[in-house]
Amino acid sequence: MKKVLTSPSSFGQVGNEPFSLLEQNGYAVINNPYGRKLTEDEVIELAKDCVGIVAGVEPLTARVMDNLPDLKVISRVGIGMDSVDLEYAAKKGIIVKNTPDGPTRAVAELTLGMTLSLLRRIPQADASLKNKVWKKQTGNLILDKKIGVIGLGRIGKLVSQLFRGIGNPVIGFDPYADAEWAAANNVQLADFDTVLKTADIITLHVPGNADKSPVIGAAQLELVKPTAMLINISRGGIVDEDALYTALTIGKLGSAAIDVFVQEPYTGPLTELDNVVLTPHIGSYAEEGKLLMEIDAVNNLIASLS
């Protein structure tokens, strides 16, 4: 039987359908035994006889590909392709796929949840009560807050629609913005700086700069309102973490919610702040969305190998 590595640490935990699909199509499955992100050496060892990898965020570098002579397809569970050397894969004739639709709803809903958590200080209230402290947290309403959406792809569009659905004005920026969609959904289009200057809540849904430099650094944080909230559920490195820490500590930025980090697991100084909500890269970790992504990734792999 031809072998396939399923490398995401939690693959198949929501449901067995992805494994069943592979087995029904004649593939032997090698699953990640470590319960964490794999290293290059571990990928090479586990996938040494594999024709395909259902991939997570492990490094699929030129070195890895050179050590996997039978590899024909990499099928990513999720959207981001930062961990895959796409240029080298193309040179090797390795097909690379992703699942752009699977995480859309989950990430959009987490964005809304993060926003409400920041506004009403829900994590702080929960932490106090669990520490036996009865302290009433005074937050803010979402009513009339202007939502700034940076990046109007699948996720950014759905985020915009969710906020419009509860009555918020939305201003958005995207270098390739769909003006027809924006007009139909009552989303105001503006340039990048205008969104930063005018939005009360800024949420990021971009793939990042090609040179890996931050989209939001110290210069951009100088533009925002001191009461503004910043939400990043897109990619680690999109926001300069040091600049963010400084802005949050000197009152240049009101609060932030961050789900993705340059180094994961994250243990940095943002964990010391009360005006930031941190989550461990759970944007797509809703059962329904996660299962859909895994099934889509498996179907992509099977179709490509066929």
C-alpha atoms as a PDB file:
ATOM      1  CA  MET A   1       0.000   0.000   0.000  1.00  0.00           C
ATOM      2  CA  LYS A   2       1.134   3.540  -0.703  1.00  0.00           C
ATOM      3  CA  LYS A   3       1.830   5.553   2.420  1.00  0.00           C
ATOM      4  CA  VAL A   4       0.638   9.010   3.472  1.00  0.00           C
ATOM      5  CA  LEU A   5       1.822  11.033   6.463  1.00  0.00           C
ATOM      6  CA  THR A   6      -0.816  13.014   8.366  1.00  0.00           C
ATOM      7  CA  SER A   7       1.378  15.480  10.200  1.00  0.00           C
ATOM      8  CA  PRO A   8      -0.885  17.976  12.090  1.00  0.00           C
ATOM      9  CA  SER A   9      -0.615  17.224  15.805  1.00  0.00           C
ATOM     10  CA  SER A  10      -4.391  17.015  16.326  1.00  0.00           C
ATOM     11  CA  PHE A  11      -5.319  15.435  13.002  1.00  0.00           C
ATOM     12  CA  GLY A  12      -8.365  13.169  13.217  1.00  0.00           C
ATOM     13  CA  GLN A  13      -9.242  14.083  16.792  1.00  0.00           C
ATOM     14  CA  VAL A  14     -12.571  15.668  15.848  1.00  0.00           C
ATOM     15  CA  GLY A  15     -13.707  12.772  13.678  1.00  0.00           C
ATOM     16  CA  ASN A  16     -12.374   9.659  11.948  1.00  0.00           C
ATOM     17  CA  GLU A  17     -13.634  10.577   8.475  1.00  0.00           C
ATOM     18  CA  PRO A  18     -10.255  11.834   7.158  1.00  0.00           C
ATOM     19  CA  PHE A  19      -8.543   8.553   8.081  1.00  0.00           C
ATOM     20  CA  SER A  20     -11.425   6.529   6.633  1.00  0.00           C
ATOM     21  CA  LEU A  21     -11.202   8.394   3.323  1.00  0.00           C
ATOM     22  CA  LEU A  22      -7.507   7.630   3.002  1.00  0.00           C
ATOM     23  CA  GLU A  23      -7.936   3.971   3.926  1.00  0.00           C
ATOM     24  CA  GLN A  24     -10.909   3.540   1.579  1.00  0.00           C
ATOM     25  CA  ASN A  25      -8.752   4.852  -1.248  1.00  0.00           C
ATOM     26  CA  GLY A  26      -5.989   2.383  -0.534  1.00  0.00           C
ATOM     27  CA  TYR A  27      -3.520   4.437   1.451  1.00  0.00           C
ATOM     28  CA  ALA A  28      -1.702   3.371   4.599  1.00  0.00           C
ATOM     29  CA  VAL A  29      -1.676   6.209   7.133  1.00  0.00           C
ATOM     30  CA  ILE A  30       1.285   7.269   9.260  1.00  0.00           C
ATOM     31  CA  ASN A  31       0.053   9.724  11.880  1.00  0.00           C
ATOM     32  CA  ASN A  32       2.073  12.226  13.893  1.00  0.00           C
ATOM     33  CA  PRO A  33       2.981  10.328  17.096  1.00  0.00           C
ATOM     34  CA  TYR A  34       4.377  13.319  18.999  1.00  0.00           C
ATOM     35  CA  GLY A  35       1.298  15.479  19.601  1.00  0.00           C
ATOM     36  CA  ARG A  36       3.175  18.641  18.530  1.00  0.00           C
ATOM     37  CA  LYS A  37       4.660  20.355  15.493  1.00  0.00           C
ATOM     38  CA  LEU A  38       7.190  18.101  13.773  1.00  0.00           C
ATOM     39  CA  THR A  39      10.806  19.049  13.147  1.00  0.00           C
ATOM     40  CA  GLU A  40      12.522  18.635   9.770  1.00  0.00           C
ATOM     41  CA  ASP A  41      14.242  15.438  10.917  1.00  0.00           C
ATOM     42  CA  GLU A  42      10.976  13.977  12.209  1.00  0.00           C
ATOM     43  CA  VAL A  43       9.201  14.703   8.924  1.00  0.00           C
ATOM     44  CA  ILE A  44      12.014  13.018   7.021  1.00  0.00           C
ATOM     45  CA  GLU A  45      11.886   9.968   9.277  1.00  0.00           C
ATOM     46  CA  LEU A  46       8.100   9.575   9.306  1.00  0.00           C
ATOM     47  CA  ALA A  47       7.515  10.345   5.619  1.00  0.00           C
ATOM     48  CA  LYS A  48      10.540   8.542   4.163  1.00  0.00           C
ATOM     49  CA  ASP A  49       8.388   6.135   2.098  1.00  0.00           C
ATOM     50  CA  CYS A  50       5.352   8.389   1.639  1.00  0.00           C
ATOM     51  CA  VAL A  51       3.821   9.580  -1.617  1.00  0.00           C
ATOM     52  CA  GLY A  52       1.870  12.331   0.114  1.00  0.00           C
ATOM     53  CA  ILE A  53       1.771  14.507   3.212  1.00  0.00           C
ATOM     54  CA  VAL A  54      -1.391  15.930   4.712  1.00  0.00           C
ATOM     55  CA  ALA A  55       0.487  18.858   6.174  1.00  0.00           C
ATOM     56  CA  GLY A  56       0.270  21.111   9.191  1.00  0.00           C
ATOM     57  CA  VAL A  57       2.783  23.863   9.922  1.00  0.00           C
ATOM     58  CA  GLU A  58       5.926  21.718  10.086  1.00  0.00           C
ATOM     59  CA  PRO A  59       8.870  22.914   7.953  1.00  0.00           C
ATOM     60  CA  LEU A  60       8.636  21.399   4.481  1.00  0.00           C
ATOM     61  CA  THR A  61      11.939  22.750   3.242  1.00  0.00           C
ATOM     62  CA  ALA A  62      14.181  21.913   0.310  1.00  0.00           C
ATOM     63  CA  ARG A  63      16.174  19.623   2.619  1.00  0.00           C
ATOM     64  CA  VAL A  64      13.025  17.742   3.632  1.00  0.00           C
ATOM     65  CA  MET A  65      11.897  17.327   0.024  1.00  0.00           C
ATOM     66  CA  ASP A  66      15.327  16.138  -1.081  1.00  0.00           C
ATOM     67  CA  ASN A  67      15.126  13.393   1.523  1.00  0.00           C
ATOM     68  CA  LEU A  68      11.661  12.220   0.436  1.00  0.00           C
ATOM     69  CA  PRO A  69      12.183  10.764  -3.058  1.00  0.00           C
ATOM     70  CA  ASP A  70       8.672   9.281  -3.295  1.00  0.00           C
ATOM     71  CA  LEU A  71       6.842  12.486  -2.309  1.00  0.00           C
ATOM     72  CA  LYS A  72       4.354  13.629  -4.956  1.00  0.00           C
ATOM     73  CA  VAL A  73       1.794  15.789  -3.103  1.00  0.00           C
ATOM     74  CA  ILE A  74       1.716  18.136  -0.105  1.00  0.00           C
ATOM     75  CA  SER A  75      -1.848  18.920   0.944  1.00  0.00           C
ATOM     76  CA  ARG A  76      -1.999  21.614   3.604  1.00  0.00           C
ATOM     77  CA  VAL A  77      -4.713  21.621   6.268  1.00  0.00           C
ATOM     78  CA  GLY A  78      -5.405  25.368   6.303  1.00  0.00           C
ATOM     79  CA  ILE A  79      -4.569  28.392   4.197  1.00  0.00           C
ATOM     80  CA  GLY A  80      -1.054  29.496   5.151  1.00  0.00           C
ATOM     81  CA  MET A  81       1.816  28.181   3.059  1.00  0.00           C
ATOM     82  CA  ASP A  82       4.660  29.896   4.921  1.00  0.00           C
ATOM     83  CA  SER A  83       6.107  26.576   6.076  1.00  0.00           C
ATOM     84  CA  VAL A  84       6.350  25.134   2.557  1.00  0.00           C
ATOM     85  CA  ASP A  85       9.146  26.016   0.134  1.00  0.00           C
ATOM     86  CA  LEU A  86       6.752  26.491  -2.779  1.00  0.00           C
ATOM     87  CA  GLU A  87       9.425  27.387  -5.324  1.00  0.00           C
ATOM     88  CA  TYR A  88      11.462  24.277  -4.561  1.00  0.00           C
ATOM     89  CA  ALA A  89       8.353  22.089  -4.588  1.00  0.00           C
ATOM     90  CA  ALA A  90       7.539  23.367  -8.073  1.00  0.00           C
ATOM     91  CA  LYS A  91      11.092  22.563  -9.220  1.00  0.00           C
ATOM     92  CA  LYS A  92      10.727  19.036  -7.833  1.00  0.00           C
ATOM     93  CA  GLY A  93       7.326  18.576  -9.486  1.00  0.00           C
ATOM     94  CA  ILE A  94       5.609  18.203  -6.113  1.00  0.00           C
ATOM     95  CA  ILE A  95       1.965  19.315  -6.172  1.00  0.00           C
ATOM     96  CA  VAL A  96       1.028  21.643  -3.294  1.00  0.00           C
ATOM     97  CA  LYS A  97      -2.588  22.250  -2.246  1.00  0.00           C
ATOM     98  CA  ASN A  98      -4.325  24.041   0.617  1.00  0.00           C
ATOM     99  CA  THR A  99      -7.859  24.404   1.998  1.00  0.00           C
ATOM    100  CA  PRO A 100      -8.798  28.073   1.654  1.00  0.00           C
ATOM    101  CA  ASP A 101     -12.468  27.669   2.568  1.00  0.00           C
ATOM    102  CA  GLY A 102     -12.290  25.440   5.635  1.00  0.00           C
ATOM    103  CA  PRO A 103     -11.143  27.910   8.330  1.00  0.00           C
ATOM    104  CA  THR A 104     -13.060  30.951   7.080  1.00  0.00           C
ATOM    105  CA  ARG A 105     -16.049  30.788   9.397  1.00  0.00           C
ATOM    106  CA  ALA A 106     -14.037  29.697  12.430  1.00  0.00           C
ATOM    107  CA  VAL A 107     -11.532  32.550  12.118  1.00  0.00           C
ATOM    108  CA  ALA A 108     -14.247  35.116  11.440  1.00  0.00           C
ATOM    109  CA  GLU A 109     -16.248  34.036  14.490  1.00  0.00           C
ATOM    110  CA  LEU A 110     -13.132  34.087  16.696  1.00  0.00           C
ATOM    111  CA  THR A 111     -12.510  37.656  15.519  1.00  0.00           C
ATOM    112  CA  LEU A 112     -15.972  38.623  16.716  1.00  0.00           C
ATOM    113  CA  GLY A 113     -15.452  36.730  19.973  1.00  0.00           C
ATOM    114  CA  MET A 114     -12.096  38.431  20.587  1.00  0.00           C
ATOM    115  CA  THR A 115     -13.684  41.821  19.978  1.00  0.00           C
ATOM    116  CA  LEU A 116     -16.453  41.244  22.516  1.00  0.00           C
ATOM    117  CA  SER A 117     -13.950  39.829  25.020  1.00  0.00           C
ATOM    118  CA  LEU A 118     -11.811  42.956  24.770  1.00  0.00           C
ATOM    119  CA  LEU A 119     -14.740  45.343  24.950  1.00  0.00           C
ATOM    120  CA  ARG A 120     -16.452  43.750  27.948  1.00  0.00           C
ATOM    121  CA  ARG A 121     -13.228  42.588  29.658  1.00  0.00           C
ATOM    122  CA  ILE A 122     -14.561  39.053  29.906  1.00  0.00           C
ATOM    123  CA  PRO A 123     -11.164  37.331  30.458  1.00  0.00           C
ATOM    124  CA  GLN A 124     -10.302  39.743  33.292  1.00  0.00           C
ATOM    125  CA  ALA A 125     -13.656  39.177  34.993  1.00  0.00           C
ATOM    126  CA  ASP A 126     -13.258  35.415  34.690  1.00  0.00           C
ATOM    127  CA  ALA A 127      -9.689  35.493  36.053  1.00  0.00           C
ATOM    128  CA  SER A 128     -10.707  37.605  39.051  1.00  0.00           C
ATOM    129  CA  LEU A 129     -13.593  35.375  40.016  1.00  0.00           C
ATOM    130  CA  LYS A 130     -11.502  32.216  39.691  1.00  0.00           C
ATOM    131  CA  ASN A 131      -9.028  33.861  42.062  1.00  0.00           C
ATOM    132  CA  LYS A 132     -11.921  34.372  44.549  1.00  0.00           C
ATOM    133  CA  VAL A 133     -12.043  38.117  43.838  1.00  0.00           C
ATOM    134  CA  TRP A 134     -15.495  39.608  43.232  1.00  0.00           C
ATOM    135  CA  LYS A 135     -14.581  42.540  40.975  1.00  0.00           C
ATOM    136  CA  LYS A 136     -17.007  44.061  38.503  1.00  0.00           C
ATOM    137  CA  GLN A 137     -15.269  44.957  35.242  1.00  0.00           C
ATOM    138  CA  THR A 138     -16.574  48.011  33.402  1.00  0.00           C
ATOM    139  CA  GLY A 139     -16.177  47.621  29.682  1.00  0.00           C
ATOM    140  CA  ASN A 140     -17.602  49.176  26.550  1.00  0.00           C
ATOM    141  CA  LEU A 141     -20.390  48.506  24.084  1.00  0.00           C
ATOM    142  CA  ILE A 142     -19.739  47.464  20.509  1.00  0.00           C
ATOM    143  CA  LEU A 143     -22.501  49.878  19.474  1.00  0.00           C
ATOM    144  CA  ASP A 144     -21.318  52.413  16.866  1.00  0.00           C
ATOM    145  CA  LYS A 145     -17.688  51.248  17.000  1.00  0.00           C
ATOM    146  CA  LYS A 146     -16.066  51.594  13.573  1.00  0.00           C
ATOM    147  CA  ILE A 147     -14.483  48.315  12.489  1.00  0.00           C
ATOM    148  CA  GLY A 148     -11.342  48.532  10.369  1.00  0.00           C
ATOM    149  CA  VAL A 149     -10.686  45.376   8.354  1.00  0.00           C
ATOM    150  CA  ILE A 150      -7.208  45.059   6.828  1.00  0.00           C
ATOM    151  CA  GLY A 151      -7.401  42.407   4.127  1.00  0.00           C
ATOM    152  CA  LEU A 152     -10.670  41.663   2.326  1.00  0.00           C
ATOM    153  CA  GLY A 153     -10.182  38.103   1.175  1.00  0.00           C
ATOM    154  CA  ARG A 154     -12.528  35.281   2.169  1.00  0.00           C
ATOM    155  CA  ILE A 155     -12.053  35.801   5.898  1.00  0.00           C
ATOM    156  CA  GLY A 156     -11.962  39.593   5.800  1.00  0.00           C
ATOM    157  CA  LYS A 157     -15.170  39.684   3.800  1.00  0.00           C
ATOM    158  CA  LEU A 158     -16.973  37.392   6.237  1.00  0.00           C
ATOM    159  CA  VAL A 159     -15.654  39.388   9.224  1.00  0.00           C
ATOM    160  CA  SER A 160     -17.015  42.532   7.591  1.00  0.00           C
ATOM    161  CA  GLN A 161     -20.395  40.901   7.037  1.00  0.00           C
ATOM    162  CA  LEU A 162     -20.612  39.692  10.636  1.00  0.00           C
ATOM    163  CA  PHE A 163     -19.941  43.188  11.983  1.00  0.00           C
ATOM    164  CA  ARG A 164     -22.313  44.789   9.488  1.00  0.00           C
ATOM    165  CA  GLY A 165     -24.902  42.236  10.611  1.00  0.00           C
ATOM    166  CA  ILE A 166     -24.871  43.658  14.140  1.00  0.00           C
ATOM    167  CA  GLY A 167     -24.975  47.211  12.895  1.00  0.00           C
ATOM    168  CA  ASN A 168     -21.373  48.376  12.982  1.00  0.00           C
ATOM    169  CA  PRO A 169     -19.879  50.658  10.345  1.00  0.00           C
ATOM    170  CA  VAL A 170     -17.015  48.881   8.547  1.00  0.00           C
ATOM    171  CA  ILE A 171     -14.072  50.482   6.762  1.00  0.00           C
ATOM    172  CA  GLY A 172     -11.706  48.214   4.881  1.00  0.00           C
ATOM    173  CA  PHE A 173      -8.444  48.149   2.989  1.00  0.00           C
ATOM    174  CA  ASP A 174      -7.166  45.657   0.471  1.00  0.00           C
ATOM    175  CA  PRO A 175      -4.775  46.392  -2.414  1.00  0.00           C
ATOM    176  CA  TYR A 176      -7.020  44.271  -4.647  1.00  0.00           C
ATOM    177  CA  ALA A 177     -10.340  45.260  -3.102  1.00  0.00           C
ATOM    178  CA  ASP A 178     -13.564  44.109  -4.732  1.00  0.00           C
ATOM    179  CA  ALA A 179     -15.375  47.435  -5.059  1.00  0.00           C
ATOM    180  CA  GLU A 180     -18.593  45.806  -6.256  1.00  0.00           C
ATOM    181  CA  TRP A 181     -18.704  43.505  -3.215  1.00  0.00           C
ATOM    182  CA  ALA A 182     -17.881  46.408  -0.884  1.00  0.00           C
ATOM    183  CA  ALA A 183     -20.723  48.531  -2.259  1.00  0.00           C
ATOM    184  CA  ALA A 184     -23.189  45.651  -2.045  1.00  0.00           C
ATOM    185  CA  ASN A 185     -22.226  44.981   1.590  1.00  0.00           C
ATOM    186  CA  ASN A 186     -22.025  48.625   2.667  1.00  0.00           C
ATOM    187  CA  VAL A 187     -18.308  48.425   3.435  1.00  0.00           C
ATOM    188  CA  GLN A 188     -16.396  51.670   2.957  1.00  0.00           C
ATOM    189  CA  LEU A 189     -13.079  51.235   1.132  1.00  0.00           C
ATOM    190  CA  ALA A 190     -10.150  53.429   2.122  1.00  0.00           C
ATOM    191  CA  ASP A 191      -6.371  53.495   2.032  1.00  0.00           C
ATOM    192  CA  PHE A 192      -4.314  51.694   4.672  1.00  0.00           C
ATOM    193  CA  ASP A 193      -3.432  54.757   6.758  1.00  0.00           C
ATOM    194  CA  THR A 194      -7.030  56.023   6.808  1.00  0.00           C
ATOM    195  CA  VAL A 195      -8.244  52.713   8.204  1.00  0.00           C
ATOM    196  CA  LEU A 196      -5.605  52.834  10.949  1.00  0.00           C
ATOM    197  CA  LYS A 197      -6.411  56.442  11.836  1.00  0.00           C
ATOM    198  CA  THR A 198     -10.204  56.166  11.934  1.00  0.00           C
ATOM    199  CA  ALA A 199     -11.100  52.664  13.125  1.00  0.00           C
ATOM    200  CA  ASP A 200     -11.982  51.899  16.740  1.00  0.00           C
ATOM    201  CA  ILE A 201     -11.292  48.194  16.271  1.00  0.00           C
ATOM    202  CA  ILE A 202      -8.651  47.088  13.739  1.00  0.00           C
ATOM    203  CA  THR A 203      -8.627  43.459  12.664  1.00  0.00           C
ATOM    204  CA  LEU A 204      -5.959  41.919  10.422  1.00  0.00           C
ATOM    205  CA  HIS A 205      -6.623  39.287   7.759  1.00  0.00           C
ATOM    206  CA  VAL A 206      -3.603  39.465   5.454  1.00  0.00           C
ATOM    207  CA  PRO A 207      -0.957  36.940   4.368  1.00  0.00           C
ATOM    208  CA  GLY A 208       1.903  39.287   5.261  1.00  0.00           C
ATOM    209  CA  ASN A 209       4.674  41.050   3.392  1.00  0.00           C
ATOM    210  CA  ALA A 210       6.832  39.069   0.984  1.00  0.00           C
ATOM    211  CA  ASP A 211       9.989  40.098   2.851  1.00  0.00           C
ATOM    212  CA  LYS A 212       8.487  38.943   6.205  1.00  0.00           C
ATOM    213  CA  SER A 213       8.554  42.495   7.604  1.00  0.00           C
ATOM    214  CA  PRO A 214       5.653  43.456   9.907  1.00  0.00           C
ATOM    215  CA  VAL A 215       2.534  44.965   8.388  1.00  0.00           C
ATOM    216  CA  ILE A 216       1.914  46.731  11.709  1.00  0.00           C
ATOM    217  CA  GLY A 217       5.043  48.187  13.296  1.00  0.00           C
ATOM    218  CA  ALA A 218       5.873  51.198  15.434  1.00  0.00           C
ATOM    219  CA  ALA A 219       5.146  53.658  12.614  1.00  0.00           C
ATOM    220  CA  GLN A 220       1.695  52.210  11.985  1.00  0.00           C
ATOM    221  CA  LEU A 221       0.866  52.108  15.697  1.00  0.00           C
ATOM    222  CA  GLU A 222       1.635  55.835  15.848  1.00  0.00           C
ATOM    223  CA  LEU A 223      -1.362  56.392  13.579  1.00  0.00           C
ATOM    224  CA  VAL A 224      -4.031  54.602  15.598  1.00  0.00           C
ATOM    225  CA  LYS A 225      -6.326  56.082  18.205  1.00  0.00           C
ATOM    226  CA  PRO A 226      -5.044  55.606  21.782  1.00  0.00           C
ATOM    227  CA  THR A 227      -8.369  53.910  22.591  1.00  0.00           C
ATOM    228  CA  ALA A 228      -8.226  51.577  19.584  1.00  0.00           C
ATOM    229  CA  MET A 229      -8.184  47.791  19.762  1.00  0.00           C
ATOM    230  CA  LEU A 230      -5.996  45.629  17.510  1.00  0.00           C
ATOM    231  CA  ILE A 231      -6.805  42.010  16.652  1.00  0.00           C
ATOM    232  CA  ASN A 232      -4.412  39.665  14.854  1.00  0.00           C
ATOM    233  CA  ILE A 233      -5.658  36.204  13.918  1.00  0.00           C
ATOM    234  CA  SER A 234      -3.782  36.074  10.615  1.00  0.00           C
ATOM    235  CA  ARG A 235      -0.054  35.261  10.879  1.00  0.00           C
ATOM    236  CA  GLY A 236       2.720  35.574  13.405  1.00  0.00           C
ATOM    237  CA  GLY A 237       5.008  38.425  12.423  1.00  0.00           C
ATOM    238  CA  ILE A 238       2.233  40.508  10.864  1.00  0.00           C
ATOM    239  CA  VAL A 239       2.460  42.655  14.004  1.00  0.00           C
ATOM    240  CA  ASP A 240       5.821  43.705  15.460  1.00  0.00           C
ATOM    241  CA  GLU A 241       5.469  42.177  18.931  1.00  0.00           C
ATOM    242  CA  ASP A 242       7.990  44.506  20.571  1.00  0.00           C
ATOM    243  CA  ALA A 243       6.292  47.592  19.125  1.00  0.00           C
ATOM    244  CA  LEU A 244       2.923  46.226  20.215  1.00  0.00           C
ATOM    245  CA  TYR A 245       4.153  45.672  23.761  1.00  0.00           C
ATOM    246  CA  THR A 246       5.454  49.232  23.927  1.00  0.00           C
ATOM    247  CA  ALA A 247       2.216  50.695  22.537  1.00  0.00           C
ATOM    248  CA  LEU A 248       0.130  48.754  25.056  1.00  0.00           C
ATOM    249  CA  THR A 249       2.300  49.771  28.004  1.00  0.00           C
ATOM    250  CA  ILE A 250       2.559  53.508  27.248  1.00  0.00           C
ATOM    251  CA  GLY A 251      -1.096  53.999  26.363  1.00  0.00           C
ATOM    252  CA  LYS A 252      -0.622  54.422  22.613  1.00  0.00           C
ATOM    253  CA  LEU A 253      -2.997  51.515  22.009  1.00  0.00           C
ATOM    254  CA  GLY A 254      -5.959  50.636  24.192  1.00  0.00           C
ATOM    255  CA  SER A 255      -5.876  46.846  23.958  1.00  0.00           C
ATOM    256  CA  ALA A 256      -5.117  43.921  21.686  1.00  0.00           C
ATOM    257  CA  ALA A 257      -6.080  40.321  21.026  1.00  0.00           C
ATOM    258  CA  ILE A 258      -3.438  38.067  19.480  1.00  0.00           C
ATOM    259  CA  ASP A 259      -3.790  34.459  18.327  1.00  0.00           C
ATOM    260  CA  VAL A 260      -0.575  34.073  16.300  1.00  0.00           C
ATOM    261  CA  PHE A 261       3.058  34.718  17.183  1.00  0.00           C
ATOM    262  CA  VAL A 262       6.520  34.748  15.624  1.00  0.00           C
ATOM    263  CA  GLN A 263       7.654  32.027  18.013  1.00  0.00           C
ATOM    264  CA  GLU A 264       5.134  29.410  19.071  1.00  0.00           C
ATOM    265  CA  PRO A 265       4.538  28.346  21.792  1.00  0.00           C
ATOM    266  CA  TYR A 266       4.656  31.996  22.905  1.00  0.00           C
ATOM    267  CA  THR A 267       6.007  32.897  26.352  1.00  0.00           C
ATOM    268  CA  GLY A 268       6.989  36.522  25.761  1.00  0.00           C
ATOM    269  CA  PRO A 269       6.287  39.777  27.578  1.00  0.00           C
ATOM    270  CA  LEU A 270       2.748  40.224  26.220  1.00  0.00           C
ATOM    271  CA  THR A 271       1.705  37.545  28.730  1.00  0.00           C
ATOM    272  CA  GLU A 272       2.398  40.045  31.523  1.00  0.00           C
ATOM    273  CA  LEU A 273      -0.167  42.611  30.356  1.00  0.00           C
ATOM    274  CA  ASP A 274      -3.749  43.009  31.507  1.00  0.00           C
ATOM    275  CA  ASN A 275      -4.959  44.803  28.367  1.00  0.00           C
ATOM    276  CA  VAL A 276      -4.246  41.980  25.944  1.00  0.00           C
ATOM    277  CA  VAL A 277      -6.075  38.699  25.269  1.00  0.00           C
ATOM    278  CA  LEU A 278      -3.827  35.879  24.054  1.00  0.00           C
ATOM    279  CA  THR A 279      -4.853  32.539  22.563  1.00  0.00           C
ATOM    280  CA  PRO A 280      -2.594  29.696  21.341  1.00  0.00           C
ATOM    281  CA  HIS A 281      -3.200  29.798  17.562  1.00  0.00           C
ATOM    282  CA  ILE A 282      -6.780  28.515  17.734  1.00  0.00           C
ATOM    283  CA  GLY A 283      -8.229  30.452  14.792  1.00  0.00           C
ATOM    284  CA  SER A 284      -9.371  27.328  12.944  1.00  0.00           C
ATOM    285  CA  TYR A 285      -9.946  25.226  16.062  1.00  0.00           C
ATOM    286  CA  ALA A 286     -13.695  24.894  15.886  1.00  0.00           C
ATOM    287  CA  GLU A 287     -14.792  21.283  15.533  1.00  0.00           C
ATOM    288  CA  GLU A 288     -16.935  21.820  12.455  1.00  0.00           C
ATOM    289  CA  GLY A 289     -14.378  23.906  10.611  1.00  0.00           C
ATOM    290  CA  LYS A 290     -11.438  21.735  11.628  1.00  0.00           C
ATOM    291  CA  LEU A 291     -13.106  18.552  10.398  1.00  0.00           C
ATOM    292  CA  LEU A 292     -14.078  20.223   7.121  1.00  0.00           C
ATOM    293  CA  MET A 293     -10.472  21.358   6.548  1.00  0.00           C
ATOM    294  CA  GLU A 294      -9.089  17.885   7.235  1.00  0.00           C
ATOM    295  CA  ILE A 295     -11.585  16.259   4.859  1.00  0.00           C
ATOM    296  CA  ASP A 296     -10.866  18.876   2.182  1.00  0.00           C
ATOM    297  CA  ALA A 297      -7.108  18.349   2.575  1.00  0.00           C
ATOM    298  CA  VAL A 298      -7.476  14.573   2.244  1.00  0.00           C
ATOM    299  CA  ASN A 299      -9.713  14.927  -0.812  1.00  0.00           C
ATOM    300  CA  ASN A 300      -7.193  17.317  -2.371  1.00  0.00           C
ATOM    301  CA  LEU A 301      -4.412  14.809  -1.786  1.00  0.00           C
ATOM    302  CA  ILE A 302      -6.380  11.860  -3.181  1.00  0.00           C
ATOM    303  CA  ALA A 303      -7.427  13.823  -6.274  1.00  0.00           C
ATOM    304  CA  SER A 304      -3.884  15.029  -6.920  1.00  0.00           C
ATOM    305  CA  LEU A 305      -2.369  11.579  -6.526  1.00  0.00           C
ATOM    306  CA  SER A 306      -5.007  10.141  -8.830  1.00  0.00           C
END
